[in-house]
Amino acid sequence: MLSRLSHKELITLAKQRCIPPLLPTFYKGQSGGRVCIIGGCEDYTGAPYFSANATALMGCDLTHVICERSAATVIKSYTPNLMVHPYLRDNGKASEMEKIKSLLSRMFALVIGPGLGRDPAMMTSVKEIIRYVLIERKGMVPIVIDADGLFLISQDAEVREMLKKFPAGRIVLTPNVVEFKHISDAIAKDLNIDADSSALRDNSKMGHFISNTLNCILVQKGREDVVFSPNNDYVLVNKQTGSNKRVGGQGDTLTGTIGCMLSYSVAMHDFKVTENKEDPLSWVECALLSCYAGTTITRECSRLAFAEKGRAMQTSDLNDRVGMVYSQVFE
């Protein structure tokens, strides 16, 4: 059982069973995977960049961003390493869904939410994307949902019902303490349960309540990062030292690291790019290890950045360390 393993054992297992090797026989995208970040609007262009940059620095072969048109040029100006697609629309305009679906048909994993904003047209597009993955891709493409994507979940009962239909562990939610409570309250309302009842009074019960009801993996960010699995199978707690300062884009870096690790796990678990003679891990186990690895890398990046910069630490200080820390942890 994963919850009985030490931190070192969890990282070793993630390295052995979730991360594909780099081989000269692999083609582009086979070992590093393909990840798409969905977010970015006129007001918020940094968040999708930090998520996508973390994914790329983790070693993802092909990292895409689907954003609102006004955000695309700005995000492209940050780096030429990302593929940026201005297919989302706000202010009541219809997004270019056929182009979006064509791109998503090739992805190993998605991240929804960084810099998305709360424009109703953008939210409608995200619902359609989730529905597309559920129906056309049979829910097999893992989706990390954060920020305004979590706001949508807390506000829209139809989205919550869709998430329940995904295979176990293919949805990963990464709420902070406020988002955590909002989602729990919304689910309690769906089920006619008192949100302040004893069944939901403490953090652990609330985490199990959300992950079990939505059939998802829940990564609660905080002083310790707690990873809940559906059906009460496992709880992993990451107590590795982080930073005394939390910058705004740290959660975006986390979604990028988890998104890349999930893409790796798809290559190993679903596509079986390498032969493994050991007892296979379930998808939920692979996804839990991916989330734990993502929290480990993000916390170590934050620790190193704070050690150097102190109060002056900015998001880029930790985000730019992702590749270096990945090498230290896994290579």
C-alpha atoms as a PDB file:
ATOM      1  CA  MET A   1       0.000   0.000   0.000  1.00  0.00           C
ATOM      2  CA  LEU A   2       1.424   3.371  -1.063  1.00  0.00           C
ATOM      3  CA  SER A   3       0.505   5.113   2.185  1.00  0.00           C
ATOM      4  CA  ARG A   4       2.879   2.809   4.073  1.00  0.00           C
ATOM      5  CA  LEU A   5       5.897   3.792   1.968  1.00  0.00           C
ATOM      6  CA  SER A   6       8.441   6.393   3.024  1.00  0.00           C
ATOM      7  CA  HIS A   7       9.092   9.536   1.004  1.00  0.00           C
ATOM      8  CA  LYS A   8      12.209   7.992  -0.518  1.00  0.00           C
ATOM      9  CA  GLU A   9      10.327   4.801  -1.411  1.00  0.00           C
ATOM     10  CA  LEU A  10       7.515   6.762  -3.069  1.00  0.00           C
ATOM     11  CA  ILE A  11       9.954   8.752  -5.186  1.00  0.00           C
ATOM     12  CA  THR A  12      11.862   5.606  -6.151  1.00  0.00           C
ATOM     13  CA  LEU A  13       8.647   3.859  -7.160  1.00  0.00           C
ATOM     14  CA  ALA A  14       7.535   6.875  -9.198  1.00  0.00           C
ATOM     15  CA  LYS A  15      10.875   6.877 -11.012  1.00  0.00           C
ATOM     16  CA  GLN A  16      10.684   3.164 -11.773  1.00  0.00           C
ATOM     17  CA  ARG A  17       7.027   2.839 -12.709  1.00  0.00           C
ATOM     18  CA  CYS A  18       5.761   6.239 -13.903  1.00  0.00           C
ATOM     19  CA  ILE A  19       8.600   7.838 -15.865  1.00  0.00           C
ATOM     20  CA  PRO A  20       9.452   6.424 -19.288  1.00  0.00           C
ATOM     21  CA  PRO A  21      13.111   6.160 -20.263  1.00  0.00           C
ATOM     22  CA  LEU A  22      14.672   8.271 -22.989  1.00  0.00           C
ATOM     23  CA  LEU A  23      15.536   5.871 -25.803  1.00  0.00           C
ATOM     24  CA  PRO A  24      16.846   6.598 -29.324  1.00  0.00           C
ATOM     25  CA  THR A  25      14.076   4.401 -30.756  1.00  0.00           C
ATOM     26  CA  PHE A  26      11.291   6.615 -29.379  1.00  0.00           C
ATOM     27  CA  TYR A  27       9.679   9.237 -31.582  1.00  0.00           C
ATOM     28  CA  LYS A  28       8.769  12.746 -30.446  1.00  0.00           C
ATOM     29  CA  GLY A  29       5.982  12.611 -27.894  1.00  0.00           C
ATOM     30  CA  GLN A  30       6.316   8.903 -27.147  1.00  0.00           C
ATOM     31  CA  SER A  31       8.385   9.128 -23.987  1.00  0.00           C
ATOM     32  CA  GLY A  32       7.880  12.758 -22.963  1.00  0.00           C
ATOM     33  CA  GLY A  33       4.228  12.891 -23.859  1.00  0.00           C
ATOM     34  CA  ARG A  34       1.999  15.779 -24.887  1.00  0.00           C
ATOM     35  CA  VAL A  35       0.362  18.127 -22.398  1.00  0.00           C
ATOM     36  CA  CYS A  36      -2.044  21.000 -23.017  1.00  0.00           C
ATOM     37  CA  ILE A  37      -2.648  23.865 -20.589  1.00  0.00           C
ATOM     38  CA  ILE A  38      -6.104  25.427 -20.991  1.00  0.00           C
ATOM     39  CA  GLY A  39      -6.259  28.926 -19.564  1.00  0.00           C
ATOM     40  CA  GLY A  40      -5.077  32.469 -20.058  1.00  0.00           C
ATOM     41  CA  CYS A  41      -7.174  35.563 -20.699  1.00  0.00           C
ATOM     42  CA  GLU A  42      -6.556  39.282 -21.134  1.00  0.00           C
ATOM     43  CA  ASP A  43      -5.951  39.859 -17.416  1.00  0.00           C
ATOM     44  CA  TYR A  44      -4.021  36.682 -16.576  1.00  0.00           C
ATOM     45  CA  THR A  45      -1.188  35.561 -18.815  1.00  0.00           C
ATOM     46  CA  GLY A  46       1.440  34.566 -16.255  1.00  0.00           C
ATOM     47  CA  ALA A  47      -0.458  31.615 -14.769  1.00  0.00           C
ATOM     48  CA  PRO A  48      -0.742  29.511 -17.962  1.00  0.00           C
ATOM     49  CA  TYR A  49       2.881  30.318 -18.786  1.00  0.00           C
ATOM     50  CA  PHE A  50       4.153  29.128 -15.406  1.00  0.00           C
ATOM     51  CA  SER A  51       2.109  25.935 -15.644  1.00  0.00           C
ATOM     52  CA  ALA A  52       3.254  25.218 -19.192  1.00  0.00           C
ATOM     53  CA  ASN A  53       6.876  26.182 -18.508  1.00  0.00           C
ATOM     54  CA  ALA A  54       6.993  23.798 -15.548  1.00  0.00           C
ATOM     55  CA  THR A  55       5.603  21.043 -17.776  1.00  0.00           C
ATOM     56  CA  ALA A  56       8.232  21.717 -20.430  1.00  0.00           C
ATOM     57  CA  LEU A  57      11.112  21.883 -17.928  1.00  0.00           C
ATOM     58  CA  MET A  58       9.968  18.556 -16.454  1.00  0.00           C
ATOM     59  CA  GLY A  59      10.773  17.033 -19.834  1.00  0.00           C
ATOM     60  CA  CYS A  60       7.455  16.998 -21.680  1.00  0.00           C
ATOM     61  CA  ASP A  61       8.130  16.609 -25.418  1.00  0.00           C
ATOM     62  CA  LEU A  62       5.277  18.822 -26.622  1.00  0.00           C
ATOM     63  CA  THR A  63       3.689  21.495 -24.423  1.00  0.00           C
ATOM     64  CA  HIS A  64       0.668  23.414 -25.724  1.00  0.00           C
ATOM     65  CA  VAL A  65      -1.379  26.319 -24.357  1.00  0.00           C
ATOM     66  CA  ILE A  66      -4.961  27.008 -25.452  1.00  0.00           C
ATOM     67  CA  CYS A  67      -5.898  30.541 -24.409  1.00  0.00           C
ATOM     68  CA  GLU A  68      -8.093  33.511 -25.194  1.00  0.00           C
ATOM     69  CA  ARG A  69      -6.995  35.437 -28.276  1.00  0.00           C
ATOM     70  CA  SER A  70      -5.844  38.557 -26.417  1.00  0.00           C
ATOM     71  CA  ALA A  71      -3.543  36.483 -24.192  1.00  0.00           C
ATOM     72  CA  ALA A  72      -1.802  34.549 -26.959  1.00  0.00           C
ATOM     73  CA  THR A  73       0.674  37.156 -28.167  1.00  0.00           C
ATOM     74  CA  VAL A  74       1.677  37.997 -24.610  1.00  0.00           C
ATOM     75  CA  ILE A  75       2.288  34.344 -23.682  1.00  0.00           C
ATOM     76  CA  LYS A  76       4.215  33.773 -26.906  1.00  0.00           C
ATOM     77  CA  SER A  77       6.445  36.719 -26.029  1.00  0.00           C
ATOM     78  CA  TYR A  78       7.578  34.991 -22.831  1.00  0.00           C
ATOM     79  CA  THR A  79       9.211  32.079 -24.672  1.00  0.00           C
ATOM     80  CA  PRO A  80       9.352  30.388 -28.079  1.00  0.00           C
ATOM     81  CA  ASN A  81       9.395  26.940 -26.437  1.00  0.00           C
ATOM     82  CA  LEU A  82       5.624  26.653 -26.004  1.00  0.00           C
ATOM     83  CA  MET A  83       2.992  26.158 -28.697  1.00  0.00           C
ATOM     84  CA  VAL A  84       0.286  28.734 -28.042  1.00  0.00           C
ATOM     85  CA  HIS A  85      -3.159  28.507 -29.649  1.00  0.00           C
ATOM     86  CA  PRO A  86      -5.582  31.491 -29.421  1.00  0.00           C
ATOM     87  CA  TYR A  87      -8.761  29.410 -29.716  1.00  0.00           C
ATOM     88  CA  LEU A  88     -10.733  30.481 -26.619  1.00  0.00           C
ATOM     89  CA  ARG A  89     -13.140  33.441 -26.710  1.00  0.00           C
ATOM     90  CA  ASP A  90     -14.783  35.603 -24.058  1.00  0.00           C
ATOM     91  CA  ASN A  91     -17.526  38.254 -23.970  1.00  0.00           C
ATOM     92  CA  GLY A  92     -20.177  35.899 -25.308  1.00  0.00           C
ATOM     93  CA  LYS A  93     -18.248  34.821 -28.397  1.00  0.00           C
ATOM     94  CA  ALA A  94     -17.995  31.160 -29.348  1.00  0.00           C
ATOM     95  CA  SER A  95     -14.596  29.496 -28.983  1.00  0.00           C
ATOM     96  CA  GLU A  96     -13.096  27.620 -31.915  1.00  0.00           C
ATOM     97  CA  MET A  97     -14.135  24.236 -30.572  1.00  0.00           C
ATOM     98  CA  GLU A  98     -13.344  22.192 -33.674  1.00  0.00           C
ATOM     99  CA  LYS A  99      -9.737  23.367 -33.563  1.00  0.00           C
ATOM    100  CA  ILE A 100      -9.626  22.742 -29.825  1.00  0.00           C
ATOM    101  CA  LYS A 101     -11.012  19.214 -30.158  1.00  0.00           C
ATOM    102  CA  SER A 102      -8.570  18.396 -32.953  1.00  0.00           C
ATOM    103  CA  LEU A 103      -5.665  19.414 -30.742  1.00  0.00           C
ATOM    104  CA  LEU A 104      -7.020  17.623 -27.662  1.00  0.00           C
ATOM    105  CA  SER A 105      -7.367  14.388 -29.607  1.00  0.00           C
ATOM    106  CA  ARG A 106      -3.563  14.075 -29.520  1.00  0.00           C
ATOM    107  CA  MET A 107      -2.937  14.996 -25.876  1.00  0.00           C
ATOM    108  CA  PHE A 108      -1.755  12.672 -23.097  1.00  0.00           C
ATOM    109  CA  ALA A 109      -2.907  15.003 -20.281  1.00  0.00           C
ATOM    110  CA  LEU A 110      -4.654  18.339 -19.756  1.00  0.00           C
ATOM    111  CA  VAL A 111      -4.414  21.135 -17.205  1.00  0.00           C
ATOM    112  CA  ILE A 112      -7.504  23.340 -16.928  1.00  0.00           C
ATOM    113  CA  GLY A 113      -7.738  26.599 -15.016  1.00  0.00           C
ATOM    114  CA  PRO A 114      -4.514  28.646 -14.827  1.00  0.00           C
ATOM    115  CA  GLY A 115      -5.410  32.238 -15.718  1.00  0.00           C
ATOM    116  CA  LEU A 116      -8.759  31.149 -17.121  1.00  0.00           C
ATOM    117  CA  GLY A 117     -10.808  33.952 -15.605  1.00  0.00           C
ATOM    118  CA  ARG A 118     -14.525  33.685 -14.910  1.00  0.00           C
ATOM    119  CA  ASP A 119     -16.048  34.994 -18.127  1.00  0.00           C
ATOM    120  CA  PRO A 120     -19.224  32.954 -18.814  1.00  0.00           C
ATOM    121  CA  ALA A 121     -18.190  32.205 -22.401  1.00  0.00           C
ATOM    122  CA  MET A 122     -14.835  30.835 -21.226  1.00  0.00           C
ATOM    123  CA  MET A 123     -16.575  28.696 -18.611  1.00  0.00           C
ATOM    124  CA  THR A 124     -18.945  27.323 -21.255  1.00  0.00           C
ATOM    125  CA  SER A 125     -15.957  26.350 -23.401  1.00  0.00           C
ATOM    126  CA  VAL A 126     -14.335  24.542 -20.482  1.00  0.00           C
ATOM    127  CA  LYS A 127     -17.542  22.576 -19.869  1.00  0.00           C
ATOM    128  CA  GLU A 128     -17.552  21.545 -23.513  1.00  0.00           C
ATOM    129  CA  ILE A 129     -13.910  20.478 -23.277  1.00  0.00           C
ATOM    130  CA  ILE A 130     -14.616  18.331 -20.212  1.00  0.00           C
ATOM    131  CA  ARG A 131     -17.639  16.804 -21.974  1.00  0.00           C
ATOM    132  CA  TYR A 132     -15.532  16.095 -25.079  1.00  0.00           C
ATOM    133  CA  VAL A 133     -12.887  14.258 -23.048  1.00  0.00           C
ATOM    134  CA  LEU A 134     -15.542  12.292 -21.178  1.00  0.00           C
ATOM    135  CA  ILE A 135     -17.485  11.205 -24.264  1.00  0.00           C
ATOM    136  CA  GLU A 136     -15.067  11.196 -27.201  1.00  0.00           C
ATOM    137  CA  ARG A 137     -11.939  10.143 -25.282  1.00  0.00           C
ATOM    138  CA  LYS A 138     -13.933   7.937 -22.858  1.00  0.00           C
ATOM    139  CA  GLY A 139     -12.570   9.957 -19.941  1.00  0.00           C
ATOM    140  CA  MET A 140      -9.129   8.388 -20.307  1.00  0.00           C
ATOM    141  CA  VAL A 141      -7.162  11.633 -20.714  1.00  0.00           C
ATOM    142  CA  PRO A 142      -6.217  12.760 -17.196  1.00  0.00           C
ATOM    143  CA  ILE A 143      -7.231  16.326 -16.361  1.00  0.00           C
ATOM    144  CA  VAL A 144      -5.699  18.505 -13.652  1.00  0.00           C
ATOM    145  CA  ILE A 145      -8.154  21.218 -12.587  1.00  0.00           C
ATOM    146  CA  ASP A 146      -7.083  24.293 -10.622  1.00  0.00           C
ATOM    147  CA  ALA A 147      -7.914  27.946  -9.978  1.00  0.00           C
ATOM    148  CA  ASP A 148     -10.960  29.153 -11.934  1.00  0.00           C
ATOM    149  CA  GLY A 149     -11.540  25.598 -13.109  1.00  0.00           C
ATOM    150  CA  LEU A 150     -12.221  24.759  -9.460  1.00  0.00           C
ATOM    151  CA  PHE A 151     -14.539  27.763  -9.235  1.00  0.00           C
ATOM    152  CA  LEU A 152     -16.538  26.274 -12.112  1.00  0.00           C
ATOM    153  CA  ILE A 153     -16.806  22.959 -10.253  1.00  0.00           C
ATOM    154  CA  SER A 154     -18.068  24.697  -7.116  1.00  0.00           C
ATOM    155  CA  GLN A 155     -20.679  26.649  -9.101  1.00  0.00           C
ATOM    156  CA  ASP A 156     -21.947  24.167 -11.707  1.00  0.00           C
ATOM    157  CA  ALA A 157     -23.740  20.972 -10.663  1.00  0.00           C
ATOM    158  CA  GLU A 158     -23.662  19.662 -14.240  1.00  0.00           C
ATOM    159  CA  VAL A 159     -19.864  19.770 -14.226  1.00  0.00           C
ATOM    160  CA  ARG A 160     -19.776  17.923 -10.910  1.00  0.00           C
ATOM    161  CA  GLU A 161     -21.978  15.205 -12.396  1.00  0.00           C
ATOM    162  CA  MET A 162     -19.679  14.883 -15.407  1.00  0.00           C
ATOM    163  CA  LEU A 163     -16.614  14.474 -13.201  1.00  0.00           C
ATOM    164  CA  LYS A 164     -18.247  11.553 -11.380  1.00  0.00           C
ATOM    165  CA  LYS A 165     -18.470   9.661 -14.688  1.00  0.00           C
ATOM    166  CA  PHE A 166     -14.733   9.725 -15.407  1.00  0.00           C
ATOM    167  CA  PRO A 167     -12.750   6.560 -14.625  1.00  0.00           C
ATOM    168  CA  ALA A 168     -11.345   6.646 -11.103  1.00  0.00           C
ATOM    169  CA  GLY A 169      -8.354   8.934 -10.729  1.00  0.00           C
ATOM    170  CA  ARG A 170      -8.454  10.477 -14.201  1.00  0.00           C
ATOM    171  CA  ILE A 171      -9.537  13.800 -12.646  1.00  0.00           C
ATOM    172  CA  VAL A 172      -7.095  15.563 -10.310  1.00  0.00           C
ATOM    173  CA  LEU A 173      -8.220  18.602  -8.302  1.00  0.00           C
ATOM    174  CA  THR A 174      -5.634  20.890  -6.664  1.00  0.00           C
ATOM    175  CA  PRO A 175      -7.527  23.237  -4.309  1.00  0.00           C
ATOM    176  CA  ASN A 176      -6.192  25.584  -1.680  1.00  0.00           C
ATOM    177  CA  VAL A 177      -8.002  25.744   1.656  1.00  0.00           C
ATOM    178  CA  VAL A 178     -10.709  28.157   0.430  1.00  0.00           C
ATOM    179  CA  GLU A 179     -11.391  26.260  -2.813  1.00  0.00           C
ATOM    180  CA  PHE A 180     -11.402  23.032  -0.800  1.00  0.00           C
ATOM    181  CA  LYS A 181     -14.255  24.313   1.379  1.00  0.00           C
ATOM    182  CA  HIS A 182     -16.256  25.739  -1.550  1.00  0.00           C
ATOM    183  CA  ILE A 183     -16.205  22.404  -3.395  1.00  0.00           C
ATOM    184  CA  SER A 184     -17.146  20.498  -0.254  1.00  0.00           C
ATOM    185  CA  ASP A 185     -20.058  22.869   0.415  1.00  0.00           C
ATOM    186  CA  ALA A 186     -21.319  22.495  -3.162  1.00  0.00           C
ATOM    187  CA  ILE A 187     -21.253  18.685  -2.986  1.00  0.00           C
ATOM    188  CA  ALA A 188     -22.949  18.733   0.416  1.00  0.00           C
ATOM    189  CA  LYS A 189     -25.723  20.873  -1.074  1.00  0.00           C
ATOM    190  CA  ASP A 190     -26.118  18.389  -3.955  1.00  0.00           C
ATOM    191  CA  LEU A 191     -26.558  15.573  -1.441  1.00  0.00           C
ATOM    192  CA  ASN A 192     -28.700  17.549   1.026  1.00  0.00           C
ATOM    193  CA  ILE A 193     -26.040  17.224   3.724  1.00  0.00           C
ATOM    194  CA  ASP A 194     -25.292  19.892   6.304  1.00  0.00           C
ATOM    195  CA  ALA A 195     -21.916  21.291   5.220  1.00  0.00           C
ATOM    196  CA  ASP A 196     -21.000  21.866   8.874  1.00  0.00           C
ATOM    197  CA  SER A 197     -21.972  18.374  10.030  1.00  0.00           C
ATOM    198  CA  SER A 198     -19.582  16.230  12.021  1.00  0.00           C
ATOM    199  CA  ALA A 199     -18.990  14.091   8.918  1.00  0.00           C
ATOM    200  CA  LEU A 200     -17.297  17.077   7.279  1.00  0.00           C
ATOM    201  CA  ARG A 201     -15.889  18.826  10.301  1.00  0.00           C
ATOM    202  CA  ASP A 202     -12.233  17.924   9.941  1.00  0.00           C
ATOM    203  CA  ASN A 203      -9.851  18.166   7.027  1.00  0.00           C
ATOM    204  CA  SER A 204      -9.400  14.439   6.485  1.00  0.00           C
ATOM    205  CA  LYS A 205     -13.108  13.670   6.381  1.00  0.00           C
ATOM    206  CA  MET A 206     -13.729  16.546   4.007  1.00  0.00           C
ATOM    207  CA  GLY A 207     -10.930  15.403   1.693  1.00  0.00           C
ATOM    208  CA  HIS A 208     -12.288  11.862   1.556  1.00  0.00           C
ATOM    209  CA  PHE A 209     -15.788  13.252   1.014  1.00  0.00           C
ATOM    210  CA  ILE A 210     -14.729  15.206  -2.077  1.00  0.00           C
ATOM    211  CA  SER A 211     -12.503  12.529  -3.612  1.00  0.00           C
ATOM    212  CA  ASN A 212     -15.038   9.750  -3.040  1.00  0.00           C
ATOM    213  CA  THR A 213     -18.023  11.715  -4.305  1.00  0.00           C
ATOM    214  CA  LEU A 214     -16.311  13.049  -7.439  1.00  0.00           C
ATOM    215  CA  ASN A 215     -14.292   9.853  -8.022  1.00  0.00           C
ATOM    216  CA  CYS A 216     -11.175  11.997  -8.267  1.00  0.00           C
ATOM    217  CA  ILE A 217      -7.737  12.454  -6.787  1.00  0.00           C
ATOM    218  CA  LEU A 218      -7.622  15.502  -4.546  1.00  0.00           C
ATOM    219  CA  VAL A 219      -4.392  17.368  -3.828  1.00  0.00           C
ATOM    220  CA  GLN A 220      -5.011  19.740  -0.946  1.00  0.00           C
ATOM    221  CA  LYS A 221      -2.301  22.388  -0.918  1.00  0.00           C
ATOM    222  CA  GLY A 222      -1.097  23.748   2.394  1.00  0.00           C
ATOM    223  CA  ARG A 223       1.630  23.552   5.018  1.00  0.00           C
ATOM    224  CA  GLU A 224       1.621  19.860   4.116  1.00  0.00           C
ATOM    225  CA  ASP A 225       0.299  18.694   0.747  1.00  0.00           C
ATOM    226  CA  VAL A 226      -2.282  15.943   1.287  1.00  0.00           C
ATOM    227  CA  VAL A 227      -3.210  13.658  -1.617  1.00  0.00           C
ATOM    228  CA  PHE A 228      -6.540  11.843  -1.296  1.00  0.00           C
ATOM    229  CA  SER A 229      -7.531   8.976  -3.565  1.00  0.00           C
ATOM    230  CA  PRO A 230     -11.052   7.868  -4.502  1.00  0.00           C
ATOM    231  CA  ASN A 231     -12.695   5.056  -2.508  1.00  0.00           C
ATOM    232  CA  ASN A 232     -10.505   5.797   0.546  1.00  0.00           C
ATOM    233  CA  ASP A 233      -7.728   3.656  -0.922  1.00  0.00           C
ATOM    234  CA  TYR A 234      -4.757   5.851  -0.014  1.00  0.00           C
ATOM    235  CA  VAL A 235      -3.794   9.132   1.559  1.00  0.00           C
ATOM    236  CA  LEU A 236      -0.299  10.446   0.873  1.00  0.00           C
ATOM    237  CA  VAL A 237       1.066  13.339   2.922  1.00  0.00           C
ATOM    238  CA  ASN A 238       4.026  15.305   1.610  1.00  0.00           C
ATOM    239  CA  LYS A 239       5.882  16.896   4.529  1.00  0.00           C
ATOM    240  CA  GLN A 240       9.000  17.898   2.612  1.00  0.00           C
ATOM    241  CA  THR A 241      10.308  21.356   3.487  1.00  0.00           C
ATOM    242  CA  GLY A 242       9.033  24.142   1.273  1.00  0.00           C
ATOM    243  CA  SER A 243       9.216  27.910   1.549  1.00  0.00           C
ATOM    244  CA  ASN A 244       8.255  30.361   4.279  1.00  0.00           C
ATOM    245  CA  LYS A 245       6.849  32.543   1.512  1.00  0.00           C
ATOM    246  CA  ARG A 246       4.161  31.401  -0.886  1.00  0.00           C
ATOM    247  CA  VAL A 247       4.138  33.235  -4.208  1.00  0.00           C
ATOM    248  CA  GLY A 248       1.090  33.560  -6.441  1.00  0.00           C
ATOM    249  CA  GLY A 249       2.242  31.211  -9.179  1.00  0.00           C
ATOM    250  CA  GLN A 250       3.367  28.326  -7.006  1.00  0.00           C
ATOM    251  CA  GLY A 251       0.084  26.521  -7.611  1.00  0.00           C
ATOM    252  CA  ASP A 252       0.534  26.979 -11.363  1.00  0.00           C
ATOM    253  CA  THR A 253       3.977  25.405 -11.145  1.00  0.00           C
ATOM    254  CA  LEU A 254       2.395  22.510  -9.262  1.00  0.00           C
ATOM    255  CA  THR A 255      -0.240  21.915 -11.960  1.00  0.00           C
ATOM    256  CA  GLY A 256       2.512  21.845 -14.572  1.00  0.00           C
ATOM    257  CA  THR A 257       4.641  19.317 -12.703  1.00  0.00           C
ATOM    258  CA  ILE A 258       1.634  17.082 -12.013  1.00  0.00           C
ATOM    259  CA  GLY A 259       0.419  17.420 -15.603  1.00  0.00           C
ATOM    260  CA  CYS A 260       3.766  16.248 -16.951  1.00  0.00           C
ATOM    261  CA  MET A 261       3.972  13.350 -14.491  1.00  0.00           C
ATOM    262  CA  LEU A 262       0.468  12.234 -15.507  1.00  0.00           C
ATOM    263  CA  SER A 263       1.528  12.378 -19.149  1.00  0.00           C
ATOM    264  CA  TYR A 264       4.487  10.137 -18.281  1.00  0.00           C
ATOM    265  CA  SER A 265       2.171   7.764 -16.432  1.00  0.00           C
ATOM    266  CA  VAL A 266      -0.138   7.542 -19.449  1.00  0.00           C
ATOM    267  CA  ALA A 267       2.844   6.521 -21.570  1.00  0.00           C
ATOM    268  CA  MET A 268       3.840   3.840 -19.072  1.00  0.00           C
ATOM    269  CA  HIS A 269       0.440   2.603 -17.861  1.00  0.00           C
ATOM    270  CA  ASP A 270      -1.870   3.062 -20.864  1.00  0.00           C
ATOM    271  CA  PHE A 271       0.514   2.866 -23.812  1.00  0.00           C
ATOM    272  CA  LYS A 272       3.090   0.590 -22.159  1.00  0.00           C
ATOM    273  CA  VAL A 273       6.030   2.150 -23.985  1.00  0.00           C
ATOM    274  CA  THR A 274       8.378  -0.140 -22.042  1.00  0.00           C
ATOM    275  CA  GLU A 275       7.890  -3.700 -20.863  1.00  0.00           C
ATOM    276  CA  ASN A 276       7.526  -4.137 -17.111  1.00  0.00           C
ATOM    277  CA  LYS A 277       7.726  -7.644 -15.699  1.00  0.00           C
ATOM    278  CA  GLU A 278       6.794  -6.572 -12.176  1.00  0.00           C
ATOM    279  CA  ASP A 279       3.246  -6.563 -10.842  1.00  0.00           C
ATOM    280  CA  PRO A 280       1.498  -3.685 -12.603  1.00  0.00           C
ATOM    281  CA  LEU A 281       0.316  -0.663 -10.687  1.00  0.00           C
ATOM    282  CA  SER A 282      -3.287   0.427 -11.055  1.00  0.00           C
ATOM    283  CA  TRP A 283      -3.984   3.730 -12.763  1.00  0.00           C
ATOM    284  CA  VAL A 284      -4.978   5.291  -9.437  1.00  0.00           C
ATOM    285  CA  GLU A 285      -1.616   4.274  -7.955  1.00  0.00           C
ATOM    286  CA  CYS A 286       0.246   5.779 -10.922  1.00  0.00           C
ATOM    287  CA  ALA A 287      -1.747   8.989 -10.645  1.00  0.00           C
ATOM    288  CA  LEU A 288      -1.176   9.234  -6.891  1.00  0.00           C
ATOM    289  CA  LEU A 289       2.562   8.803  -7.389  1.00  0.00           C
ATOM    290  CA  SER A 290       2.448  11.451 -10.116  1.00  0.00           C
ATOM    291  CA  CYS A 291       0.744  13.917  -7.779  1.00  0.00           C
ATOM    292  CA  TYR A 292       3.154  13.158  -4.948  1.00  0.00           C
ATOM    293  CA  ALA A 293       6.131  13.629  -7.276  1.00  0.00           C
ATOM    294  CA  GLY A 294       4.695  16.937  -8.497  1.00  0.00           C
ATOM    295  CA  THR A 295       4.286  18.239  -4.957  1.00  0.00           C
ATOM    296  CA  THR A 296       7.833  17.123  -4.110  1.00  0.00           C
ATOM    297  CA  ILE A 297       9.397  18.969  -7.028  1.00  0.00           C
ATOM    298  CA  THR A 298       7.350  22.117  -6.419  1.00  0.00           C
ATOM    299  CA  ARG A 299       8.155  22.207  -2.710  1.00  0.00           C
ATOM    300  CA  GLU A 300      11.869  21.732  -3.360  1.00  0.00           C
ATOM    301  CA  CYS A 301      11.870  24.482  -6.006  1.00  0.00           C
ATOM    302  CA  SER A 302      10.191  26.760  -3.500  1.00  0.00           C
ATOM    303  CA  ARG A 303      12.672  25.860  -0.757  1.00  0.00           C
ATOM    304  CA  LEU A 304      15.690  26.571  -2.958  1.00  0.00           C
ATOM    305  CA  ALA A 305      14.254  29.823  -4.311  1.00  0.00           C
ATOM    306  CA  PHE A 306      13.448  31.109  -0.831  1.00  0.00           C
ATOM    307  CA  ALA A 307      16.887  30.124   0.472  1.00  0.00           C
ATOM    308  CA  GLU A 308      18.448  32.343  -2.190  1.00  0.00           C
ATOM    309  CA  LYS A 309      15.953  35.197  -2.493  1.00  0.00           C
ATOM    310  CA  GLY A 310      14.138  35.384   0.853  1.00  0.00           C
ATOM    311  CA  ARG A 311      11.259  37.852   0.862  1.00  0.00           C
ATOM    312  CA  ALA A 312      12.214  38.973  -2.646  1.00  0.00           C
ATOM    313  CA  MET A 313      11.358  35.536  -4.070  1.00  0.00           C
ATOM    314  CA  GLN A 314       9.100  35.645  -7.107  1.00  0.00           C
ATOM    315  CA  THR A 315       7.255  32.943  -9.045  1.00  0.00           C
ATOM    316  CA  SER A 316       9.921  32.819 -11.751  1.00  0.00           C
ATOM    317  CA  ASP A 317      12.576  32.093  -9.107  1.00  0.00           C
ATOM    318  CA  LEU A 318      10.960  28.770  -8.224  1.00  0.00           C
ATOM    319  CA  ASN A 319       9.467  28.031 -11.664  1.00  0.00           C
ATOM    320  CA  ASP A 320      12.807  28.249 -13.453  1.00  0.00           C
ATOM    321  CA  ARG A 321      14.277  25.655 -11.073  1.00  0.00           C
ATOM    322  CA  VAL A 322      11.905  22.868 -12.108  1.00  0.00           C
ATOM    323  CA  GLY A 323      14.278  21.207 -14.570  1.00  0.00           C
ATOM    324  CA  MET A 324      17.206  21.283 -12.172  1.00  0.00           C
ATOM    325  CA  VAL A 325      15.158  19.899  -9.285  1.00  0.00           C
ATOM    326  CA  TYR A 326      13.643  17.178 -11.485  1.00  0.00           C
ATOM    327  CA  SER A 327      17.177  16.023 -12.299  1.00  0.00           C
ATOM    328  CA  GLN A 328      18.158  16.060  -8.620  1.00  0.00           C
ATOM    329  CA  VAL A 329      15.079  14.081  -7.558  1.00  0.00           C
ATOM    330  CA  PHE A 330      14.814  11.547 -10.379  1.00  0.00           C
ATOM    331  CA  GLU A 331      18.175  11.355 -12.118  1.00  0.00           C
END
